[in-house]
Amino acid sequence: MAKKRPQTKAKRPQNTGGVGAAGADGHVPVVGAREPCPCGSGRRYKACHGRAAAHAVTELVQRPFEGLPGECDWIALRELVPAATVELTLKEGLPEGVPSVTLATVLPMAWPALRRDDGSVLLGLQNDTASGDISRDLADTLQRALVAEPGTPVQGRRAPAEGPRLQDLIDPEGAFEPVVHTGFEFWVPDAENATPDVAASLERANAAAIPTVKLQGVDAAYWCETPEKNHLRWVMPHAEEQLLDALARLHAAGQSALGEGTRLVGSFRAHGLTVPVWDLPSSVGAEDIEKPAAEFAERLATALASDAPLTADERRARGGLTNRQVTLS
């Protein structure tokens, strides 16, 4: 049911002359795993000071996007949506020479970020991260992209533990308005003149992308088309226990569907929030589900406001929904 992400991997950075870069206080900066260790030992970072960094215990941040505008959409773009972009607003404004910063679900060659020839920055969201805090890793990548040479990708690394998080860099009052694309042509201004590597990555990514549409009438709900049936996956901001109770009330009352032939099949957790999932007939498109989704949002708001104990039927419905946890493949 879930989309498959492009599996291409960027090459790891090679020797960049980092030997001897340790600070006067003895602090050894974090570099690529295969680069020479900045301490000057002559060994690769992963076999020297990187060994301790790799085994350092990093507390998993359960809600890495909490406090950002559009937290639910951040999660959807990270886990559900193949191709989408969002213009980001930074707290300190754009540095000189950087006309824009754009969040993208994925970039060519699985680059963490790219500084384009015109100085603009693309930040990839769906890359693997090295620590337990996606927000800190993305902030580190973004900061390095802002000062990278135009026309160059930014390689991944483990973010310094004391580094900023996205919440420190992004304006909390800024808009977060995802634009979902049918393919990945947004990667390059002129796809016909892309390099062979980028062109091949673009072709693979487009072939793997599941058609996806963001609903307009409700927040963070995404319709997608698969060969056997369609689905609606809806990232919701409510506390999990409260949401499951509300869904159980609606399910027991026969009010959890989104129209004829549709069915609430369960939910999954992603980055601290709950994502209910509905199966839809193949004939039901994104535009067909707009009104039923808006009507469901009204029913859900009423159910969320209730603090009455669950009835026996509602408890059974809740148990059924809890046991039908959907997994992303």
C-alpha atoms as a PDB file:
ATOM      1  CA  MET A   1       0.000   0.000   0.000  1.00  0.00           C
ATOM      2  CA  ALA A   2       2.802   2.382   0.849  1.00  0.00           C
ATOM      3  CA  LYS A   3       4.940   3.877  -1.834  1.00  0.00           C
ATOM      4  CA  LYS A   4       8.430   2.657  -2.538  1.00  0.00           C
ATOM      5  CA  ARG A   5      11.214   5.161  -2.358  1.00  0.00           C
ATOM      6  CA  PRO A   6      14.031   5.360  -4.881  1.00  0.00           C
ATOM      7  CA  GLN A   7      16.884   3.212  -3.593  1.00  0.00           C
ATOM      8  CA  THR A   8      19.791   4.925  -5.315  1.00  0.00           C
ATOM      9  CA  LYS A   9      22.595   5.873  -2.997  1.00  0.00           C
ATOM     10  CA  ALA A  10      24.980   8.769  -3.212  1.00  0.00           C
ATOM     11  CA  LYS A  11      28.659   7.982  -3.122  1.00  0.00           C
ATOM     12  CA  ARG A  12      30.283   8.599   0.221  1.00  0.00           C
ATOM     13  CA  PRO A  13      32.667  11.581   0.330  1.00  0.00           C
ATOM     14  CA  GLN A  14      36.287  10.818  -0.329  1.00  0.00           C
ATOM     15  CA  ASN A  15      39.451  12.431   1.000  1.00  0.00           C
ATOM     16  CA  THR A  16      38.936  16.179   1.271  1.00  0.00           C
ATOM     17  CA  GLY A  17      42.113  17.099   3.068  1.00  0.00           C
ATOM     18  CA  GLY A  18      40.576  17.259   6.533  1.00  0.00           C
ATOM     19  CA  VAL A  19      43.657  15.972   8.402  1.00  0.00           C
ATOM     20  CA  GLY A  20      44.791  18.220  11.198  1.00  0.00           C
ATOM     21  CA  ALA A  21      41.460  20.037  11.481  1.00  0.00           C
ATOM     22  CA  ALA A  22      40.956  19.304  15.187  1.00  0.00           C
ATOM     23  CA  GLY A  23      40.326  22.469  17.177  1.00  0.00           C
ATOM     24  CA  ALA A  24      42.711  23.980  19.697  1.00  0.00           C
ATOM     25  CA  ASP A  25      40.493  22.679  22.483  1.00  0.00           C
ATOM     26  CA  GLY A  26      40.974  19.127  21.235  1.00  0.00           C
ATOM     27  CA  HIS A  27      37.448  18.871  19.823  1.00  0.00           C
ATOM     28  CA  VAL A  28      37.359  16.666  16.729  1.00  0.00           C
ATOM     29  CA  PRO A  29      34.656  17.746  14.241  1.00  0.00           C
ATOM     30  CA  VAL A  30      32.335  15.262  12.623  1.00  0.00           C
ATOM     31  CA  VAL A  31      33.224  14.409   9.002  1.00  0.00           C
ATOM     32  CA  GLY A  32      32.301  11.744   6.458  1.00  0.00           C
ATOM     33  CA  ALA A  33      33.005   8.166   7.551  1.00  0.00           C
ATOM     34  CA  ARG A  34      35.655   7.570   4.880  1.00  0.00           C
ATOM     35  CA  GLU A  35      37.410  10.918   5.208  1.00  0.00           C
ATOM     36  CA  PRO A  36      40.711  11.214   7.099  1.00  0.00           C
ATOM     37  CA  CYS A  37      40.066  11.798  10.793  1.00  0.00           C
ATOM     38  CA  PRO A  38      40.534  15.499  11.608  1.00  0.00           C
ATOM     39  CA  CYS A  39      42.689  14.528  14.620  1.00  0.00           C
ATOM     40  CA  GLY A  40      45.584  13.891  12.237  1.00  0.00           C
ATOM     41  CA  SER A  41      46.042  10.191  12.989  1.00  0.00           C
ATOM     42  CA  GLY A  42      46.065   9.286   9.300  1.00  0.00           C
ATOM     43  CA  ARG A  43      43.225   6.815   9.772  1.00  0.00           C
ATOM     44  CA  ARG A  44      39.732   7.150   8.332  1.00  0.00           C
ATOM     45  CA  TYR A  45      37.251   8.873  10.605  1.00  0.00           C
ATOM     46  CA  LYS A  46      35.100   5.735  10.983  1.00  0.00           C
ATOM     47  CA  ALA A  47      38.135   3.806  12.320  1.00  0.00           C
ATOM     48  CA  CYS A  48      39.275   6.584  14.640  1.00  0.00           C
ATOM     49  CA  HIS A  49      37.180   9.210  16.453  1.00  0.00           C
ATOM     50  CA  GLY A  50      34.159   8.207  14.383  1.00  0.00           C
ATOM     51  CA  ARG A  51      34.105   4.830  16.135  1.00  0.00           C
ATOM     52  CA  ALA A  52      32.994   6.412  19.399  1.00  0.00           C
ATOM     53  CA  ALA A  53      30.553   8.703  17.598  1.00  0.00           C
ATOM     54  CA  ALA A  54      28.972   5.759  15.795  1.00  0.00           C
ATOM     55  CA  HIS A  55      28.382   3.954  19.082  1.00  0.00           C
ATOM     56  CA  ALA A  56      27.254   6.997  21.018  1.00  0.00           C
ATOM     57  CA  VAL A  57      23.791   6.562  22.491  1.00  0.00           C
ATOM     58  CA  THR A  58      21.467   9.102  20.923  1.00  0.00           C
ATOM     59  CA  GLU A  59      18.057   9.407  22.508  1.00  0.00           C
ATOM     60  CA  LEU A  60      15.332   8.869  19.949  1.00  0.00           C
ATOM     61  CA  VAL A  61      13.192  11.976  19.534  1.00  0.00           C
ATOM     62  CA  GLN A  62       9.654  10.650  19.236  1.00  0.00           C
ATOM     63  CA  ARG A  63       8.198  13.783  17.607  1.00  0.00           C
ATOM     64  CA  PRO A  64      11.077  15.351  15.664  1.00  0.00           C
ATOM     65  CA  PHE A  65       8.810  17.774  13.774  1.00  0.00           C
ATOM     66  CA  GLU A  66       6.852  18.999  16.806  1.00  0.00           C
ATOM     67  CA  GLY A  67       6.688  22.788  16.917  1.00  0.00           C
ATOM     68  CA  LEU A  68       7.262  23.218  13.186  1.00  0.00           C
ATOM     69  CA  PRO A  69       4.498  24.710  11.044  1.00  0.00           C
ATOM     70  CA  GLY A  70       2.665  21.846   9.363  1.00  0.00           C
ATOM     71  CA  GLU A  71       3.953  19.010  11.600  1.00  0.00           C
ATOM     72  CA  CYS A  72       1.424  16.561  10.128  1.00  0.00           C
ATOM     73  CA  ASP A  73       2.466  17.404   6.578  1.00  0.00           C
ATOM     74  CA  TRP A  74       6.161  17.046   7.477  1.00  0.00           C
ATOM     75  CA  ILE A  75       5.346  13.483   8.543  1.00  0.00           C
ATOM     76  CA  ALA A  76       3.291  12.806   5.421  1.00  0.00           C
ATOM     77  CA  LEU A  77       6.069  14.055   3.151  1.00  0.00           C
ATOM     78  CA  ARG A  78       8.630  12.017   5.072  1.00  0.00           C
ATOM     79  CA  GLU A  79       6.655   8.743   5.030  1.00  0.00           C
ATOM     80  CA  LEU A  80       3.835   8.797   2.474  1.00  0.00           C
ATOM     81  CA  VAL A  81       4.313  11.125  -0.461  1.00  0.00           C
ATOM     82  CA  PRO A  82       6.645  10.259  -3.345  1.00  0.00           C
ATOM     83  CA  ALA A  83       7.148  13.663  -4.962  1.00  0.00           C
ATOM     84  CA  ALA A  84       6.431  16.985  -3.274  1.00  0.00           C
ATOM     85  CA  THR A  85       8.093  20.304  -2.495  1.00  0.00           C
ATOM     86  CA  VAL A  86       7.548  23.072   0.057  1.00  0.00           C
ATOM     87  CA  GLU A  87       9.087  26.538   0.153  1.00  0.00           C
ATOM     88  CA  LEU A  88      10.660  27.101   3.594  1.00  0.00           C
ATOM     89  CA  THR A  89      10.860  30.400   5.480  1.00  0.00           C
ATOM     90  CA  LEU A  90      13.944  30.783   7.682  1.00  0.00           C
ATOM     91  CA  LYS A  91      13.935  32.738  10.951  1.00  0.00           C
ATOM     92  CA  GLU A  92      16.961  34.797   9.976  1.00  0.00           C
ATOM     93  CA  GLY A  93      15.891  35.232   6.376  1.00  0.00           C
ATOM     94  CA  LEU A  94      17.759  33.967   3.346  1.00  0.00           C
ATOM     95  CA  PRO A  95      21.537  34.453   3.261  1.00  0.00           C
ATOM     96  CA  GLU A  96      22.976  36.580   0.487  1.00  0.00           C
ATOM     97  CA  GLY A  97      23.188  34.595  -2.725  1.00  0.00           C
ATOM     98  CA  VAL A  98      20.469  32.102  -1.704  1.00  0.00           C
ATOM     99  CA  PRO A  99      17.253  33.038  -3.544  1.00  0.00           C
ATOM    100  CA  SER A 100      15.157  30.252  -1.989  1.00  0.00           C
ATOM    101  CA  VAL A 101      15.173  27.162   0.239  1.00  0.00           C
ATOM    102  CA  THR A 102      12.896  24.322  -0.824  1.00  0.00           C
ATOM    103  CA  LEU A 103      12.115  21.132   1.063  1.00  0.00           C
ATOM    104  CA  ALA A 104      11.802  18.141  -1.291  1.00  0.00           C
ATOM    105  CA  THR A 105      10.677  14.618  -0.500  1.00  0.00           C
ATOM    106  CA  VAL A 106      13.701  13.125  -2.241  1.00  0.00           C
ATOM    107  CA  LEU A 107      16.567  14.375  -4.422  1.00  0.00           C
ATOM    108  CA  PRO A 108      18.488  12.817  -7.318  1.00  0.00           C
ATOM    109  CA  MET A 109      21.105  10.245  -6.339  1.00  0.00           C
ATOM    110  CA  ALA A 110      19.525  10.332  -2.830  1.00  0.00           C
ATOM    111  CA  TRP A 111      21.518  13.478  -2.022  1.00  0.00           C
ATOM    112  CA  PRO A 112      20.682  14.937   1.407  1.00  0.00           C
ATOM    113  CA  ALA A 113      20.730  18.434  -0.108  1.00  0.00           C
ATOM    114  CA  LEU A 114      21.700  20.287  -3.260  1.00  0.00           C
ATOM    115  CA  ARG A 115      22.925  23.826  -3.854  1.00  0.00           C
ATOM    116  CA  ARG A 116      21.793  24.613  -7.370  1.00  0.00           C
ATOM    117  CA  ASP A 117      23.749  26.636  -9.900  1.00  0.00           C
ATOM    118  CA  ASP A 118      21.591  29.688  -9.179  1.00  0.00           C
ATOM    119  CA  GLY A 119      22.370  29.445  -5.453  1.00  0.00           C
ATOM    120  CA  SER A 120      18.983  28.080  -4.385  1.00  0.00           C
ATOM    121  CA  VAL A 121      18.883  25.158  -1.948  1.00  0.00           C
ATOM    122  CA  LEU A 122      16.950  21.888  -2.154  1.00  0.00           C
ATOM    123  CA  LEU A 123      16.756  19.930   1.122  1.00  0.00           C
ATOM    124  CA  GLY A 124      15.869  16.222   0.917  1.00  0.00           C
ATOM    125  CA  LEU A 125      13.502  14.876   3.579  1.00  0.00           C
ATOM    126  CA  GLN A 126      13.360  11.114   2.996  1.00  0.00           C
ATOM    127  CA  ASN A 127      17.041  10.293   3.453  1.00  0.00           C
ATOM    128  CA  ASP A 128      18.296   8.032   6.217  1.00  0.00           C
ATOM    129  CA  THR A 129      19.647   9.987   9.180  1.00  0.00           C
ATOM    130  CA  ALA A 130      22.551   9.164  11.446  1.00  0.00           C
ATOM    131  CA  SER A 131      21.150  10.086  14.858  1.00  0.00           C
ATOM    132  CA  GLY A 132      17.954   9.693  16.807  1.00  0.00           C
ATOM    133  CA  ASP A 133      16.848  13.229  15.969  1.00  0.00           C
ATOM    134  CA  ILE A 134      15.803  13.730  12.356  1.00  0.00           C
ATOM    135  CA  SER A 135      15.288  17.429  13.007  1.00  0.00           C
ATOM    136  CA  ARG A 136      18.891  17.958  14.105  1.00  0.00           C
ATOM    137  CA  ASP A 137      20.268  15.969  11.178  1.00  0.00           C
ATOM    138  CA  LEU A 138      18.189  17.941   8.666  1.00  0.00           C
ATOM    139  CA  ALA A 139      19.175  21.250  10.260  1.00  0.00           C
ATOM    140  CA  ASP A 140      22.846  20.321   9.960  1.00  0.00           C
ATOM    141  CA  THR A 141      22.392  19.418   6.290  1.00  0.00           C
ATOM    142  CA  LEU A 142      20.506  22.666   5.654  1.00  0.00           C
ATOM    143  CA  GLN A 143      23.192  24.809   7.267  1.00  0.00           C
ATOM    144  CA  ARG A 144      25.897  23.175   5.173  1.00  0.00           C
ATOM    145  CA  ALA A 145      23.819  23.558   2.013  1.00  0.00           C
ATOM    146  CA  LEU A 146      23.421  27.303   2.613  1.00  0.00           C
ATOM    147  CA  VAL A 147      27.196  27.784   2.396  1.00  0.00           C
ATOM    148  CA  ALA A 148      28.012  25.101  -0.185  1.00  0.00           C
ATOM    149  CA  GLU A 149      29.395  26.077  -3.558  1.00  0.00           C
ATOM    150  CA  PRO A 150      26.632  26.576  -6.143  1.00  0.00           C
ATOM    151  CA  GLY A 151      26.154  23.517  -8.315  1.00  0.00           C
ATOM    152  CA  THR A 152      27.205  20.977  -5.680  1.00  0.00           C
ATOM    153  CA  PRO A 153      25.351  18.349  -3.609  1.00  0.00           C
ATOM    154  CA  VAL A 154      25.751  18.107   0.168  1.00  0.00           C
ATOM    155  CA  GLN A 155      26.774  14.715   1.524  1.00  0.00           C
ATOM    156  CA  GLY A 156      25.316  13.123   4.650  1.00  0.00           C
ATOM    157  CA  ARG A 157      27.029  13.006   8.019  1.00  0.00           C
ATOM    158  CA  ARG A 158      26.223  12.617  11.693  1.00  0.00           C
ATOM    159  CA  ALA A 159      25.114  15.993  13.022  1.00  0.00           C
ATOM    160  CA  PRO A 160      27.030  17.408  16.006  1.00  0.00           C
ATOM    161  CA  ALA A 161      25.101  16.752  19.212  1.00  0.00           C
ATOM    162  CA  GLU A 162      25.153  20.432  20.121  1.00  0.00           C
ATOM    163  CA  GLY A 163      23.983  21.595  16.696  1.00  0.00           C
ATOM    164  CA  PRO A 164      20.676  23.392  16.025  1.00  0.00           C
ATOM    165  CA  ARG A 165      17.419  21.700  15.099  1.00  0.00           C
ATOM    166  CA  LEU A 166      14.986  22.672  12.356  1.00  0.00           C
ATOM    167  CA  GLN A 167      12.899  24.400  15.029  1.00  0.00           C
ATOM    168  CA  ASP A 168      15.842  26.763  15.586  1.00  0.00           C
ATOM    169  CA  LEU A 169      16.144  27.651  11.897  1.00  0.00           C
ATOM    170  CA  ILE A 170      12.616  27.708  10.455  1.00  0.00           C
ATOM    171  CA  ASP A 171      10.189  30.561  11.114  1.00  0.00           C
ATOM    172  CA  PRO A 172       7.332  29.115  13.209  1.00  0.00           C
ATOM    173  CA  GLU A 173       4.962  31.690  11.687  1.00  0.00           C
ATOM    174  CA  GLY A 174       5.911  30.829   8.118  1.00  0.00           C
ATOM    175  CA  ALA A 175       3.515  29.023   5.818  1.00  0.00           C
ATOM    176  CA  PHE A 176       4.000  25.318   5.094  1.00  0.00           C
ATOM    177  CA  GLU A 177       2.134  24.527   1.897  1.00  0.00           C
ATOM    178  CA  PRO A 178       3.163  21.269   0.189  1.00  0.00           C
ATOM    179  CA  VAL A 179       2.908  21.013  -3.575  1.00  0.00           C
ATOM    180  CA  VAL A 180       2.493  17.400  -4.684  1.00  0.00           C
ATOM    181  CA  HIS A 181       3.995  16.560  -8.081  1.00  0.00           C
ATOM    182  CA  THR A 182       3.247  13.725 -10.479  1.00  0.00           C
ATOM    183  CA  GLY A 183       6.982  13.144 -10.985  1.00  0.00           C
ATOM    184  CA  PHE A 184      10.415  14.428 -10.056  1.00  0.00           C
ATOM    185  CA  GLU A 185      11.004  16.887 -12.891  1.00  0.00           C
ATOM    186  CA  PHE A 186      11.321  19.612 -10.246  1.00  0.00           C
ATOM    187  CA  TRP A 187      14.828  18.271  -9.619  1.00  0.00           C
ATOM    188  CA  VAL A 188      16.278  20.088 -12.598  1.00  0.00           C
ATOM    189  CA  PRO A 189      15.170  23.266 -14.413  1.00  0.00           C
ATOM    190  CA  ASP A 190      15.914  21.612 -17.761  1.00  0.00           C
ATOM    191  CA  ALA A 191      15.395  17.841 -17.533  1.00  0.00           C
ATOM    192  CA  GLU A 192      16.417  17.317 -21.148  1.00  0.00           C
ATOM    193  CA  ASN A 193      19.921  18.572 -20.380  1.00  0.00           C
ATOM    194  CA  ALA A 194      20.387  16.695 -17.092  1.00  0.00           C
ATOM    195  CA  THR A 195      23.586  14.708 -16.551  1.00  0.00           C
ATOM    196  CA  PRO A 196      23.335  10.973 -17.330  1.00  0.00           C
ATOM    197  CA  ASP A 197      23.408  10.053 -13.604  1.00  0.00           C
ATOM    198  CA  VAL A 198      20.644  12.503 -12.734  1.00  0.00           C
ATOM    199  CA  ALA A 199      18.596  11.499 -15.784  1.00  0.00           C
ATOM    200  CA  ALA A 200      18.830   7.817 -14.802  1.00  0.00           C
ATOM    201  CA  SER A 201      17.889   8.614 -11.210  1.00  0.00           C
ATOM    202  CA  LEU A 202      14.947  10.685 -12.446  1.00  0.00           C
ATOM    203  CA  GLU A 203      13.704   7.818 -14.619  1.00  0.00           C
ATOM    204  CA  ARG A 204      13.924   5.313 -11.737  1.00  0.00           C
ATOM    205  CA  ALA A 205      12.181   7.667  -9.323  1.00  0.00           C
ATOM    206  CA  ASN A 206       9.325   8.415 -11.705  1.00  0.00           C
ATOM    207  CA  ALA A 207       8.802   4.704 -12.356  1.00  0.00           C
ATOM    208  CA  ALA A 208       8.537   3.956  -8.621  1.00  0.00           C
ATOM    209  CA  ALA A 209       6.243   6.846  -7.665  1.00  0.00           C
ATOM    210  CA  ILE A 210       2.686   5.965  -6.643  1.00  0.00           C
ATOM    211  CA  PRO A 211       0.145   8.595  -7.838  1.00  0.00           C
ATOM    212  CA  THR A 212      -0.687  10.725  -4.804  1.00  0.00           C
ATOM    213  CA  VAL A 213      -2.947  13.742  -4.236  1.00  0.00           C
ATOM    214  CA  LYS A 214      -3.241  16.015  -1.191  1.00  0.00           C
ATOM    215  CA  LEU A 215      -6.861  16.702  -0.217  1.00  0.00           C
ATOM    216  CA  GLN A 216      -7.759  20.388  -0.128  1.00  0.00           C
ATOM    217  CA  GLY A 217     -10.658  20.369   2.334  1.00  0.00           C
ATOM    218  CA  VAL A 218      -8.875  18.823   5.338  1.00  0.00           C
ATOM    219  CA  ASP A 219      -5.333  18.952   6.690  1.00  0.00           C
ATOM    220  CA  ALA A 220      -2.615  16.366   5.972  1.00  0.00           C
ATOM    221  CA  ALA A 221      -4.844  13.803   4.206  1.00  0.00           C
ATOM    222  CA  TYR A 222      -3.362  12.120   1.130  1.00  0.00           C
ATOM    223  CA  TRP A 223      -5.143   9.956  -1.446  1.00  0.00           C
ATOM    224  CA  CYS A 224      -3.051   7.445  -3.350  1.00  0.00           C
ATOM    225  CA  GLU A 225      -3.693   5.018  -6.194  1.00  0.00           C
ATOM    226  CA  THR A 226      -2.466   1.425  -6.200  1.00  0.00           C
ATOM    227  CA  PRO A 227      -3.201  -1.382  -8.677  1.00  0.00           C
ATOM    228  CA  GLU A 228      -5.846  -3.196  -6.622  1.00  0.00           C
ATOM    229  CA  LYS A 229      -7.452  -0.394  -4.607  1.00  0.00           C
ATOM    230  CA  ASN A 230      -6.977   3.200  -3.606  1.00  0.00           C
ATOM    231  CA  HIS A 231      -6.260   4.510  -0.114  1.00  0.00           C
ATOM    232  CA  LEU A 232      -6.590   7.582   2.046  1.00  0.00           C
ATOM    233  CA  ARG A 233      -3.878   8.101   4.647  1.00  0.00           C
ATOM    234  CA  TRP A 234      -4.508  10.946   7.051  1.00  0.00           C
ATOM    235  CA  VAL A 235      -1.905  12.209   9.545  1.00  0.00           C
ATOM    236  CA  MET A 236      -3.741  13.509  12.610  1.00  0.00           C
ATOM    237  CA  PRO A 237      -2.348  15.744  15.378  1.00  0.00           C
ATOM    238  CA  HIS A 238      -4.469  14.398  18.247  1.00  0.00           C
ATOM    239  CA  ALA A 239      -3.123  12.427  21.196  1.00  0.00           C
ATOM    240  CA  GLU A 240      -3.147   8.748  20.260  1.00  0.00           C
ATOM    241  CA  GLU A 241      -5.390   7.435  23.063  1.00  0.00           C
ATOM    242  CA  GLN A 242      -7.926  10.204  22.574  1.00  0.00           C
ATOM    243  CA  LEU A 243      -7.941   9.659  18.807  1.00  0.00           C
ATOM    244  CA  LEU A 244      -8.370   5.894  19.084  1.00  0.00           C
ATOM    245  CA  ASP A 245     -11.285   6.381  21.474  1.00  0.00           C
ATOM    246  CA  ALA A 246     -12.922   8.799  19.041  1.00  0.00           C
ATOM    247  CA  LEU A 247     -12.390   6.479  16.076  1.00  0.00           C
ATOM    248  CA  ALA A 248     -13.855   3.615  18.122  1.00  0.00           C
ATOM    249  CA  ARG A 249     -16.976   5.648  18.909  1.00  0.00           C
ATOM    250  CA  LEU A 250     -17.475   6.364  15.211  1.00  0.00           C
ATOM    251  CA  HIS A 251     -16.686   2.808  14.145  1.00  0.00           C
ATOM    252  CA  ALA A 252     -19.159   1.309  16.615  1.00  0.00           C
ATOM    253  CA  ALA A 253     -21.809   3.729  15.368  1.00  0.00           C
ATOM    254  CA  GLY A 254     -21.156   2.799  11.741  1.00  0.00           C
ATOM    255  CA  GLN A 255     -19.793   6.283  11.009  1.00  0.00           C
ATOM    256  CA  SER A 256     -16.118   5.605  10.353  1.00  0.00           C
ATOM    257  CA  ALA A 257     -16.380   5.024   6.578  1.00  0.00           C
ATOM    258  CA  LEU A 258     -15.962   7.670   3.898  1.00  0.00           C
ATOM    259  CA  GLY A 259     -18.802   6.509   1.680  1.00  0.00           C
ATOM    260  CA  GLU A 260     -20.020   3.359   0.005  1.00  0.00           C
ATOM    261  CA  GLY A 261     -17.374   0.697  -0.434  1.00  0.00           C
ATOM    262  CA  THR A 262     -14.837   2.489   1.786  1.00  0.00           C
ATOM    263  CA  ARG A 263     -13.477   1.099   5.038  1.00  0.00           C
ATOM    264  CA  LEU A 264     -11.323   2.298   7.921  1.00  0.00           C
ATOM    265  CA  VAL A 265      -8.782  -0.537   8.029  1.00  0.00           C
ATOM    266  CA  GLY A 266      -6.554   0.606  10.902  1.00  0.00           C
ATOM    267  CA  SER A 267      -3.737   3.010  11.588  1.00  0.00           C
ATOM    268  CA  PHE A 268       0.002   3.275  12.094  1.00  0.00           C
ATOM    269  CA  ARG A 269       2.270   5.545  14.097  1.00  0.00           C
ATOM    270  CA  ALA A 270       4.797   7.807  12.440  1.00  0.00           C
ATOM    271  CA  HIS A 271       7.104  10.225  14.265  1.00  0.00           C
ATOM    272  CA  GLY A 272       4.851  10.399  17.302  1.00  0.00           C
ATOM    273  CA  LEU A 273       1.491  10.853  15.564  1.00  0.00           C
ATOM    274  CA  THR A 274      -1.235   8.451  14.451  1.00  0.00           C
ATOM    275  CA  VAL A 275      -2.160   7.924  10.798  1.00  0.00           C
ATOM    276  CA  PRO A 276      -5.582   6.315  10.151  1.00  0.00           C
ATOM    277  CA  VAL A 277      -5.871   4.491   6.813  1.00  0.00           C
ATOM    278  CA  TRP A 278      -8.961   3.865   4.689  1.00  0.00           C
ATOM    279  CA  ASP A 279      -9.317   1.421   1.797  1.00  0.00           C
ATOM    280  CA  LEU A 280     -11.177   2.931  -1.156  1.00  0.00           C
ATOM    281  CA  PRO A 281     -12.567   1.342  -4.295  1.00  0.00           C
ATOM    282  CA  SER A 282     -10.417   1.854  -7.392  1.00  0.00           C
ATOM    283  CA  SER A 283     -13.212   3.954  -8.843  1.00  0.00           C
ATOM    284  CA  VAL A 284     -12.957   6.529  -6.014  1.00  0.00           C
ATOM    285  CA  GLY A 285     -10.609   9.343  -6.950  1.00  0.00           C
ATOM    286  CA  ALA A 286      -9.176  12.132  -4.818  1.00  0.00           C
ATOM    287  CA  GLU A 287     -11.907  14.571  -5.831  1.00  0.00           C
ATOM    288  CA  ASP A 288     -14.568  12.015  -4.885  1.00  0.00           C
ATOM    289  CA  ILE A 289     -13.321  11.765  -1.331  1.00  0.00           C
ATOM    290  CA  GLU A 290     -13.083  15.503  -0.580  1.00  0.00           C
ATOM    291  CA  LYS A 291     -16.653  15.944   0.683  1.00  0.00           C
ATOM    292  CA  PRO A 292     -16.809  12.645   2.638  1.00  0.00           C
ATOM    293  CA  ALA A 293     -13.483  13.500   4.309  1.00  0.00           C
ATOM    294  CA  ALA A 294     -14.728  16.937   5.352  1.00  0.00           C
ATOM    295  CA  GLU A 295     -17.897  15.385   6.757  1.00  0.00           C
ATOM    296  CA  PHE A 296     -15.848  12.788   8.620  1.00  0.00           C
ATOM    297  CA  ALA A 297     -13.709  15.574  10.134  1.00  0.00           C
ATOM    298  CA  GLU A 298     -16.877  17.073  11.622  1.00  0.00           C
ATOM    299  CA  ARG A 299     -17.960  13.721  13.080  1.00  0.00           C
ATOM    300  CA  LEU A 300     -14.474  13.162  14.470  1.00  0.00           C
ATOM    301  CA  ALA A 301     -14.429  16.579  16.162  1.00  0.00           C
ATOM    302  CA  THR A 302     -17.671  15.688  17.969  1.00  0.00           C
ATOM    303  CA  ALA A 303     -16.311  12.289  19.019  1.00  0.00           C
ATOM    304  CA  LEU A 304     -13.051  13.826  20.240  1.00  0.00           C
ATOM    305  CA  ALA A 305     -14.997  16.215  22.458  1.00  0.00           C
ATOM    306  CA  SER A 306     -16.745  13.369  24.301  1.00  0.00           C
ATOM    307  CA  ASP A 307     -15.303  12.246  27.627  1.00  0.00           C
ATOM    308  CA  ALA A 308     -17.952   9.606  28.306  1.00  0.00           C
ATOM    309  CA  PRO A 309     -16.646   6.087  29.080  1.00  0.00           C
ATOM    310  CA  LEU A 310     -16.588   3.779  26.081  1.00  0.00           C
ATOM    311  CA  THR A 311     -19.503   1.404  25.804  1.00  0.00           C
ATOM    312  CA  ALA A 312     -18.959  -2.331  25.401  1.00  0.00           C
ATOM    313  CA  ASP A 313     -19.456  -2.045  21.637  1.00  0.00           C
ATOM    314  CA  GLU A 314     -17.028   0.878  21.474  1.00  0.00           C
ATOM    315  CA  ARG A 315     -14.425  -1.023  23.480  1.00  0.00           C
ATOM    316  CA  ARG A 316     -14.699  -3.933  21.060  1.00  0.00           C
ATOM    317  CA  ALA A 317     -14.380  -1.536  18.134  1.00  0.00           C
ATOM    318  CA  ARG A 318     -11.322   0.043  19.722  1.00  0.00           C
ATOM    319  CA  GLY A 319      -9.739  -3.353  20.244  1.00  0.00           C
ATOM    320  CA  GLY A 320     -10.337  -4.209  16.609  1.00  0.00           C
ATOM    321  CA  LEU A 321      -8.789  -0.955  15.386  1.00  0.00           C
ATOM    322  CA  THR A 322      -5.810  -1.368  17.702  1.00  0.00           C
ATOM    323  CA  ASN A 323      -5.208  -4.911  16.480  1.00  0.00           C
ATOM    324  CA  ARG A 324      -5.321  -3.791  12.866  1.00  0.00           C
ATOM    325  CA  GLN A 325      -2.164  -1.711  12.933  1.00  0.00           C
ATOM    326  CA  VAL A 326      -1.139  -0.935   9.364  1.00  0.00           C
ATOM    327  CA  THR A 327       2.547  -1.237   8.514  1.00  0.00           C
ATOM    328  CA  LEU A 328       4.441   0.642   5.834  1.00  0.00           C
ATOM    329  CA  SER A 329       6.176  -1.666   3.384  1.00  0.00           C
END
